[in-house]
Protein backbone atom coordinates (compact mmCIF):
# COMPACT_ATOMS: atom_id res chain seq x y z
CA UNK A 1 10.43 -15.15 18.43
CA UNK A 2 14.27 -15.16 18.13
CA UNK A 3 13.98 -18.04 15.68
CA UNK A 4 11.20 -16.28 13.77
CA UNK A 5 13.68 -13.46 13.67
CA UNK A 6 16.80 -15.78 12.57
CA UNK A 7 14.22 -17.19 9.50
CA UNK A 8 12.93 -13.78 8.42
CA UNK A 9 16.53 -12.24 7.73
CA UNK A 10 17.74 -15.48 6.73
CA UNK A 11 14.51 -15.12 3.34
CA UNK A 12 15.08 -11.29 3.24
CA UNK A 13 19.26 -11.66 3.29
CA UNK A 14 18.64 -14.21 0.60
CA UNK A 15 16.39 -11.89 -1.65
CA UNK A 16 18.25 -9.02 -0.66
CA UNK A 17 21.15 -10.86 -2.08
CA UNK A 18 19.07 -11.43 -5.52
CA UNK A 19 18.48 -7.86 -5.61
CA UNK A 20 22.06 -7.00 -5.75
CA UNK A 21 22.46 -9.24 -8.48
CA UNK A 22 19.64 -7.96 -10.71
CA UNK A 23 20.91 -4.63 -9.64
CA UNK A 24 24.10 -4.62 -10.89
CA UNK A 25 22.32 -4.14 -14.56
CA UNK A 26 20.87 -0.86 -13.94
CA UNK A 27 20.16 1.62 -11.56
CA UNK A 28 17.13 3.79 -10.07
CA UNK A 29 16.74 7.30 -9.27
CA UNK A 30 14.74 7.80 -6.57
CA UNK A 31 12.82 11.06 -6.03
CA UNK A 32 11.98 12.05 -2.08
CA UNK A 33 9.03 13.92 -1.20
CA UNK A 34 8.45 17.63 -1.39
CA UNK A 35 5.77 18.04 1.59
CA UNK A 36 3.92 20.35 -0.76
CA UNK A 37 0.59 17.91 -1.27
CA UNK A 38 -2.38 20.28 -0.02
CA UNK A 39 -4.79 16.85 0.15
CA UNK A 40 -8.44 17.67 0.11
CA UNK A 41 -8.13 21.19 -0.69
CA UNK A 42 -7.54 22.44 3.19
CA UNK A 43 -4.55 24.71 4.11
CA UNK A 44 -1.59 23.08 6.03
CA UNK A 45 -0.28 26.08 6.90
CA UNK A 46 1.46 27.78 10.22
CA UNK A 47 -1.55 26.82 12.31
CA UNK A 48 -0.29 22.95 11.83
CA UNK A 49 3.25 23.62 13.13
CA UNK A 50 1.89 25.38 16.04
CA UNK A 51 0.30 22.47 17.82
CA UNK A 52 2.02 21.54 20.65
CA UNK A 53 4.66 18.39 20.58
CA UNK A 54 2.66 15.55 22.71
CA UNK A 55 3.62 14.26 25.64
CA UNK A 56 1.56 11.49 26.40
CA UNK A 57 -0.90 9.87 24.76
CA UNK A 58 -4.80 9.92 25.73
CA UNK A 59 -6.15 6.71 26.70
CA UNK A 60 -10.15 5.59 26.59
CA UNK A 61 -11.09 1.83 27.40
CA UNK A 62 -7.51 0.53 26.82
CA UNK A 63 -7.45 2.15 23.54
CA UNK A 64 -4.71 5.05 22.60
CA UNK A 65 -6.66 7.79 20.85
CA UNK A 66 -4.23 9.69 18.13
CA UNK A 67 -5.59 12.75 16.87
CA UNK A 68 -2.95 15.16 15.92
CA UNK A 69 0.00 14.62 13.73
CA UNK A 70 1.98 15.22 16.98
CA UNK A 71 0.30 12.57 18.54
CA UNK A 72 1.81 10.34 15.76
CA UNK A 73 5.58 11.50 16.30
CA UNK A 74 5.26 10.63 19.52
CA UNK A 75 4.10 7.17 18.65
CA UNK A 76 6.91 7.17 16.57
CA UNK A 77 9.29 8.53 18.77
CA UNK A 78 8.19 6.21 21.81
CA UNK A 79 7.20 3.41 20.16
CA UNK A 80 7.58 -0.14 22.28
CA UNK A 81 7.54 2.22 25.34
CA UNK A 82 4.89 2.66 28.45
CA UNK A 83 3.06 5.16 26.95
CA UNK A 84 3.08 3.52 22.91
CA UNK A 85 3.12 -0.27 23.80
CA UNK A 86 3.95 -2.06 20.50
CA UNK A 87 1.02 -4.41 21.42
CA UNK A 88 -1.80 -1.94 22.05
CA UNK A 89 -4.94 -0.72 20.00
CA UNK A 90 -4.90 2.67 18.61
CA UNK A 91 -7.01 4.59 16.98
CA UNK A 92 -7.51 8.15 15.01
CA UNK A 93 -10.09 10.29 16.57
CA UNK A 94 -10.11 12.89 13.45
CA UNK A 95 -8.03 13.77 10.04
CA UNK A 96 -4.95 14.04 10.73
CA UNK A 97 -2.91 16.48 8.63
CA UNK A 98 0.96 16.71 8.20
CA UNK A 99 2.10 20.55 8.02
CA UNK A 100 4.14 21.66 4.95
CA UNK A 101 7.84 21.41 5.13
CA UNK A 102 8.35 23.42 2.31
CA UNK A 103 7.83 26.72 4.76
CA UNK A 104 9.38 25.79 8.32
CA UNK A 105 8.48 28.23 10.32
CA UNK A 106 11.24 30.36 12.52
CA UNK A 107 11.85 28.40 15.44
CA UNK A 108 11.18 24.88 13.74
CA UNK A 109 13.85 23.80 12.10
CA UNK A 110 15.52 21.75 14.41
CA UNK A 111 12.15 19.71 14.89
CA UNK A 112 12.42 16.12 13.62
CA UNK A 113 9.54 16.41 10.58
CA UNK A 114 11.48 19.79 9.79
CA UNK A 115 14.45 17.99 8.75
CA UNK A 116 15.27 16.45 5.38
CA UNK A 117 14.07 12.41 6.10
CA UNK A 118 10.69 14.09 7.20
CA UNK A 119 8.73 11.07 9.31
CA UNK A 120 10.44 8.56 11.11
CA UNK A 121 8.79 4.87 10.57
CA UNK A 122 6.92 3.54 13.84
CA UNK A 123 8.93 0.83 15.11
CA UNK A 124 11.88 -1.26 13.24
CA UNK A 125 12.08 -4.18 12.20
CA UNK A 126 13.68 -5.86 15.62
CA UNK A 127 10.26 -4.13 17.41
CA UNK A 128 7.59 -4.29 15.43
CA UNK A 129 4.04 -3.47 16.08
CA UNK A 130 1.79 -6.41 17.01
CA UNK A 131 -1.68 -4.99 17.92
CA UNK A 132 -4.34 -2.77 16.19
CA UNK A 133 -4.31 0.34 14.36
CA UNK A 134 -8.38 1.73 13.51
CA UNK A 135 -8.33 4.67 11.36
CA UNK A 136 -12.04 4.89 12.05
CA UNK A 137 -12.98 6.55 8.89
CA UNK A 138 -10.43 8.89 9.37
CA UNK A 139 -7.36 9.98 6.83
CA UNK A 140 -3.53 10.84 7.22
CA UNK A 141 -2.82 13.18 4.67
CA UNK A 142 0.24 14.73 3.58
CA UNK A 143 2.69 12.22 5.28
CA UNK A 144 6.44 12.64 3.83
CA UNK A 145 8.93 10.11 4.78
CA UNK A 146 12.22 10.68 2.27
CA UNK A 147 14.72 7.84 3.58
CA UNK A 148 16.34 6.70 0.62
CA UNK A 149 19.00 5.32 2.39
CA UNK A 150 17.14 3.22 5.15
CA UNK A 151 15.15 -0.06 4.63
CA UNK A 152 11.64 -1.49 6.00
CA UNK A 153 10.40 2.05 5.74
CA UNK A 154 6.31 3.05 5.82
CA UNK A 155 4.06 4.41 8.25
CA UNK A 156 4.85 1.14 10.72
CA UNK A 157 8.11 -0.15 9.56
CA UNK A 158 7.14 -3.60 10.19
CA UNK A 159 3.97 -5.38 11.27
CA UNK A 160 3.64 -8.76 12.93
CA UNK A 161 0.21 -10.66 14.03
CA UNK A 162 -0.82 -6.63 13.31
CA UNK A 163 -4.65 -5.68 12.39
CA UNK A 164 -4.95 -2.17 9.89
CA UNK A 165 -8.72 -1.33 9.69
CA UNK A 166 -10.32 1.41 8.16
CA UNK A 167 -6.72 3.33 7.71
CA UNK A 168 -6.37 5.64 5.07
CA UNK A 169 -3.07 7.43 3.66
CA UNK A 170 -3.80 10.63 1.15
CA UNK A 171 -1.42 12.66 -0.37
CA UNK A 172 1.23 10.72 1.18
CA UNK A 173 5.11 10.92 -0.37
CA UNK A 174 6.76 7.78 0.84
CA UNK A 175 10.44 7.27 -0.24
CA UNK A 176 13.19 4.14 1.01
CA UNK A 177 15.52 1.92 -0.02
CA UNK A 178 14.46 -1.87 0.33
CA UNK A 179 11.20 -3.15 1.78
CA UNK A 180 9.06 -0.02 1.34
CA UNK A 181 5.13 -0.25 1.97
CA UNK A 182 2.48 2.35 2.56
CA UNK A 183 1.10 0.90 5.65
CA UNK A 184 3.99 -1.25 6.66
CA UNK A 185 7.37 -2.43 4.77
CA UNK A 186 7.51 -5.59 6.34
CA UNK A 187 4.32 -7.88 7.63
CA UNK A 188 4.22 -11.24 9.19
CA UNK A 189 0.49 -12.31 9.20
CA UNK A 190 -1.62 -9.14 9.06
CA UNK A 191 -4.47 -8.70 8.33
CA UNK A 192 -5.60 -4.81 6.37
CA UNK A 193 -9.38 -4.02 5.63
CA UNK A 194 -10.87 -1.19 4.18
CA UNK A 195 -7.62 0.55 4.30
CA UNK A 196 -6.11 2.90 1.54
CA UNK A 197 -3.11 4.78 0.38
CA UNK A 198 -3.42 7.54 -1.96
CA UNK A 199 0.42 9.35 -3.33
CA UNK A 200 3.25 8.00 -3.93
CA UNK A 201 5.82 4.51 -2.85
CA UNK A 202 9.34 4.78 -3.80
CA UNK A 203 12.31 2.22 -3.46
CA UNK A 204 14.72 0.26 -4.70
CA UNK A 205 13.31 -3.34 -4.62
CA UNK A 206 10.69 -5.30 -2.72
CA UNK A 207 8.35 -2.38 -2.91
CA UNK A 208 4.20 -2.36 -2.44
CA UNK A 209 1.61 0.36 -2.37
CA UNK A 210 0.29 -1.23 1.12
CA UNK A 211 3.45 -3.65 1.88
CA UNK A 212 6.63 -3.79 0.73
CA UNK A 213 7.59 -7.90 1.66
CA UNK A 214 5.53 -9.97 3.76
CA UNK A 215 6.16 -13.83 5.24
CA UNK A 216 3.56 -15.84 7.20
CA UNK A 217 0.07 -14.75 6.26
CA UNK A 218 -1.30 -11.75 5.22
CA UNK A 219 -4.93 -10.99 4.30
CA UNK A 220 -6.17 -8.25 2.77
CA UNK A 221 -9.80 -7.11 2.64
CA UNK A 222 -11.73 -4.63 0.68
CA UNK A 223 -8.34 -2.15 0.35
CA UNK A 224 -7.36 -0.34 -2.27
CA UNK A 225 -4.01 2.50 -3.71
CA UNK A 226 -4.37 4.64 -6.16
CA UNK A 227 -0.96 6.55 -7.10
CA UNK A 228 2.56 5.97 -8.26
CA UNK A 229 4.60 2.53 -6.96
CA UNK A 230 7.70 2.59 -7.99
CA UNK A 231 10.92 0.71 -7.66
CA UNK A 232 13.78 -1.08 -9.25
CA UNK A 233 12.50 -4.93 -8.70
CA UNK A 234 10.16 -6.69 -6.60
CA UNK A 235 6.91 -3.91 -7.24
CA UNK A 236 3.86 -4.44 -6.56
CA UNK A 237 0.92 -2.27 -6.59
CA UNK A 238 -0.54 -3.86 -2.97
CA UNK A 239 2.76 -6.07 -2.05
CA UNK A 240 6.24 -5.57 -3.82
CA UNK A 241 6.88 -9.84 -2.90
CA UNK A 242 5.29 -12.25 -0.25
CA UNK A 243 7.57 -15.10 0.91
CA UNK A 244 4.43 -16.36 3.05
CA UNK A 245 0.44 -16.89 1.72
CA UNK A 246 -1.58 -14.12 0.58
CA UNK A 247 -5.25 -13.86 0.66
CA UNK A 248 -6.39 -10.78 -1.40
CA UNK A 249 -10.58 -9.92 -1.71
CA UNK A 250 -12.21 -7.32 -3.22
CA UNK A 251 -9.70 -4.74 -3.48
CA UNK A 252 -7.98 -2.81 -6.51
CA UNK A 253 -5.33 -0.33 -7.59
CA UNK A 254 -5.21 2.21 -9.71
CA UNK A 255 -2.74 4.98 -11.03
CA UNK A 256 1.16 3.33 -11.86
CA UNK A 257 3.24 0.47 -10.73
CA UNK A 258 6.51 0.78 -12.25
CA UNK A 259 10.11 -0.69 -12.11
CA UNK A 260 12.62 -2.05 -14.16
CA UNK A 261 11.49 -5.97 -13.74
CA UNK A 262 9.60 -7.96 -11.56
CA UNK A 263 6.39 -5.77 -11.57
CA UNK A 264 3.01 -6.27 -10.99
CA UNK A 265 -0.31 -4.80 -10.81
CA UNK A 266 -1.16 -6.77 -7.55
CA UNK A 267 1.99 -8.45 -6.42
CA UNK A 268 5.60 -8.06 -7.36
CA UNK A 269 7.06 -11.50 -6.49
CA UNK A 270 4.43 -14.31 -5.10
CA UNK A 271 6.27 -17.09 -3.52
CA UNK A 272 3.34 -18.50 -0.94
CA UNK A 273 0.12 -19.60 -1.86
CA UNK A 274 -1.68 -16.96 -3.18
CA UNK A 275 -6.05 -16.15 -3.37
CA UNK A 276 -6.86 -13.32 -5.55
CA UNK A 277 -10.85 -13.09 -5.72
CA UNK A 278 -13.31 -10.04 -6.69
CA UNK A 279 -10.38 -7.78 -7.49
CA UNK A 280 -8.87 -5.73 -9.87
CA UNK A 281 -6.31 -3.84 -11.91
CA UNK A 282 -6.89 -0.30 -14.01
CA UNK A 283 -3.41 1.09 -13.44
CA UNK A 284 -0.76 1.14 -15.96
CA UNK A 285 1.73 -1.37 -14.96
CA UNK A 286 5.80 -1.08 -16.81
CA UNK A 287 8.85 -1.92 -16.41
CA UNK A 288 12.12 -2.34 -19.14
CA UNK A 289 12.46 -6.10 -18.84
CA UNK A 290 10.13 -8.68 -19.53
CA UNK A 291 8.88 -10.08 -16.23
CA UNK A 292 6.12 -7.58 -15.79
CA UNK A 293 2.72 -8.46 -15.17
CA UNK A 294 -0.71 -6.60 -15.14
CA UNK A 295 -1.52 -8.69 -12.14
CA UNK A 296 1.37 -10.55 -10.80
CA UNK A 297 4.98 -10.09 -12.07
CA UNK A 298 6.30 -13.45 -11.15
CA UNK A 299 4.48 -16.18 -9.98
CA UNK A 300 7.27 -18.97 -8.38
CA UNK A 301 4.19 -21.15 -7.02
CA UNK A 302 1.71 -21.92 -10.12
CA UNK A 303 0.01 -24.71 -7.97
CA UNK A 304 -0.64 -22.69 -5.09
CA UNK A 305 -2.67 -19.70 -7.01
CA UNK A 306 -6.35 -19.13 -6.91
CA UNK A 307 -7.70 -16.41 -8.90
CA UNK A 308 -11.27 -15.66 -9.52
CA UNK A 309 -13.00 -12.93 -10.66
CA UNK A 310 -10.23 -10.61 -11.28
CA UNK A 311 -10.02 -8.15 -14.13
CA UNK A 312 -7.49 -5.69 -15.59
CA UNK A 313 -6.75 -3.67 -18.83
CA UNK A 314 -5.25 -4.65 -21.80
CA UNK A 315 -2.51 -3.01 -21.88
CA UNK A 316 1.43 -2.40 -23.60
CA UNK A 317 4.63 -0.59 -22.32
CA UNK A 318 7.83 -0.09 -24.28
CA UNK A 319 10.85 -2.39 -22.96
CA UNK A 320 14.45 -1.20 -22.53
CA UNK A 321 14.72 -2.69 -26.46
CA UNK A 322 12.47 0.13 -27.46
CA UNK A 323 9.90 -2.76 -28.34
CA UNK A 324 6.37 -1.97 -27.52
CA UNK A 325 4.91 -5.61 -25.80
CA UNK A 326 1.97 -6.67 -24.16
CA UNK A 327 1.42 -6.63 -20.71
CA UNK A 328 0.76 -10.31 -19.56
CA UNK A 329 -1.63 -10.97 -16.60
CA UNK A 330 1.08 -12.69 -15.32
CA UNK A 331 4.84 -12.00 -16.01
CA UNK A 332 6.21 -15.33 -16.35
CA UNK A 333 3.35 -17.21 -17.53
CA UNK A 334 0.95 -19.50 -15.39
CA UNK A 335 -2.18 -20.01 -14.22
CA UNK A 336 -4.32 -17.48 -16.50
CA UNK A 337 -7.86 -19.04 -15.40
CA UNK A 338 -9.88 -16.40 -13.65
CA UNK A 339 -9.04 -13.41 -14.76
CA UNK A 340 -10.41 -11.67 -17.37
CA UNK A 341 -8.13 -8.19 -19.27
CA UNK A 342 -10.97 -5.68 -20.37
CA UNK A 343 -10.28 -3.27 -22.71
CA UNK A 344 -10.47 0.77 -21.85
CA UNK A 345 -11.84 1.47 -25.16
CA UNK A 346 -14.87 -1.25 -24.70
CA UNK A 347 -15.31 -0.07 -21.23
CA UNK A 348 -15.93 3.41 -22.53
CA UNK A 349 -18.72 2.58 -25.25
CA UNK A 350 -20.48 0.55 -22.75
CA UNK A 351 -24.06 1.66 -21.37
CA UNK A 352 -24.01 2.45 -17.60
CA UNK A 353 -26.63 -0.49 -17.25
CA UNK A 354 -24.54 -3.12 -18.58
CA UNK A 355 -21.07 -2.28 -16.85
CA UNK A 356 -22.08 -3.89 -14.02
CA UNK A 357 -22.10 -7.50 -16.16
CA UNK A 358 -18.55 -6.96 -17.68
CA UNK A 359 -16.98 -7.46 -13.50
CA UNK A 360 -19.27 -10.59 -13.22
CA UNK A 361 -18.98 -11.53 -9.68
CA UNK A 362 -18.73 -8.26 -8.42
CA UNK A 363 -21.48 -7.57 -5.54
CA UNK A 364 -23.57 -4.40 -6.73
CA UNK A 365 -26.62 -4.70 -4.95
CA UNK A 366 -26.03 -5.91 -1.18
CA UNK A 367 -29.03 -7.45 0.40
CA UNK A 368 -31.73 -5.09 1.20
CA UNK A 369 -34.05 -7.55 2.52
CA UNK A 370 -32.12 -8.18 5.79
CA UNK A 371 -32.04 -6.71 9.35
CA UNK A 372 -30.06 -4.44 9.29
CA UNK A 373 -29.67 -4.56 5.19
CA UNK A 374 -26.31 -5.31 4.11
CA UNK A 375 -24.60 -2.58 1.33
CA UNK A 376 -23.02 -3.50 -2.05
CA UNK A 377 -19.24 -3.92 -1.91
CA UNK A 378 -19.19 -2.15 -5.49
CA UNK A 379 -20.06 1.33 -6.62
CA UNK A 380 -19.63 3.66 -9.70
CA UNK A 381 -19.52 6.98 -9.28
CA UNK A 382 -19.92 9.12 -11.93
CA UNK A 383 -19.00 8.64 -15.79
CA UNK A 384 -16.19 6.04 -14.14
CA UNK A 385 -16.25 2.74 -15.80
CA UNK A 386 -14.07 0.95 -13.48
CA UNK A 387 -16.17 0.32 -9.90
CA UNK A 388 -14.96 1.94 -6.31
CA UNK A 389 -15.71 0.54 -2.73
CA UNK A 390 -18.99 1.04 -1.02
CA UNK A 391 -17.28 2.50 1.74
CA UNK A 392 -15.47 5.17 -0.08
CA UNK A 393 -19.07 6.87 -0.84
CA UNK A 394 -19.34 7.48 3.11
CA UNK A 395 -15.71 8.23 3.99
CA UNK A 396 -14.21 10.52 0.71
């Protein structure tokens, strides 16, 4: 483990050094979370502050159960100790809503979440999560992390060999310094399945909607980000920067992904082999410098990139010279096979029965002749012209 940590920090040091050099050309303003989001229209009032502090997590069948925001606070405060081991399996038992931080009840002002920094990321870069976190279809709502002077920020600070399954963050506001992600700031050999982040993820560099920076092998399947992802450089809708191999399957990004440079709808910078298939970006991707891509900002390993049945949208942005420029699929050029940029105007003018044909390779039918039947992966909802994942119809 020690040798891997030295390697990890060596890589981080190189890229942070690059960022400092680039950062000398400009600055970025970060906005902290307000904590006022109400999520799905439900109350986040005094009754949530009244939940008693957790003194131990319930355990059943070797799984630690998490049912309140106090349980998550306990996990954060005691992570790596006997009652909250780093290599355990954790499972949500209900939707978890964090209380509003805009009107803290009397007597609660000294509590950690009431303070300006909000939630403390679980673990550290030295003590990373190595187990399984299963949301079981439940959501963590109105989470606020406001730590612009801290690095490796997210629900988890770092994850090594971990699995995130059915984890959903909704109406979140996450702000950090370097290496910031919704689920994890940093990851090494991690699998993310049927998970999502909706809300704001802000940082300085290495900022991603799901993960800020990865080393090793990361696999993302049937997951999405919907919100605002913003940073200075190395900004991606799913991952800010990859220093290892990444596979993205049947996933999407919507909302906005923005920064100064090295901005990509899915990944900001790739420094390893990348496989992307049956995915799309319907986000506004913008930057001030030229290295901006609808899918990948900067692709350093062109020969190791495999893309098939991936879709983006035709769009432009205004750069620092006030020029309107087209957003290419890959910011620095290179491989474009397997990528289709769609016109939203054309999609809006397409009959519903023909929309599916615009997304060749996407599974809209499933398999009903098997036992049990296999659900489709994608579905159109209402008047939307971009599909969503089928599991969203069952959990949202």
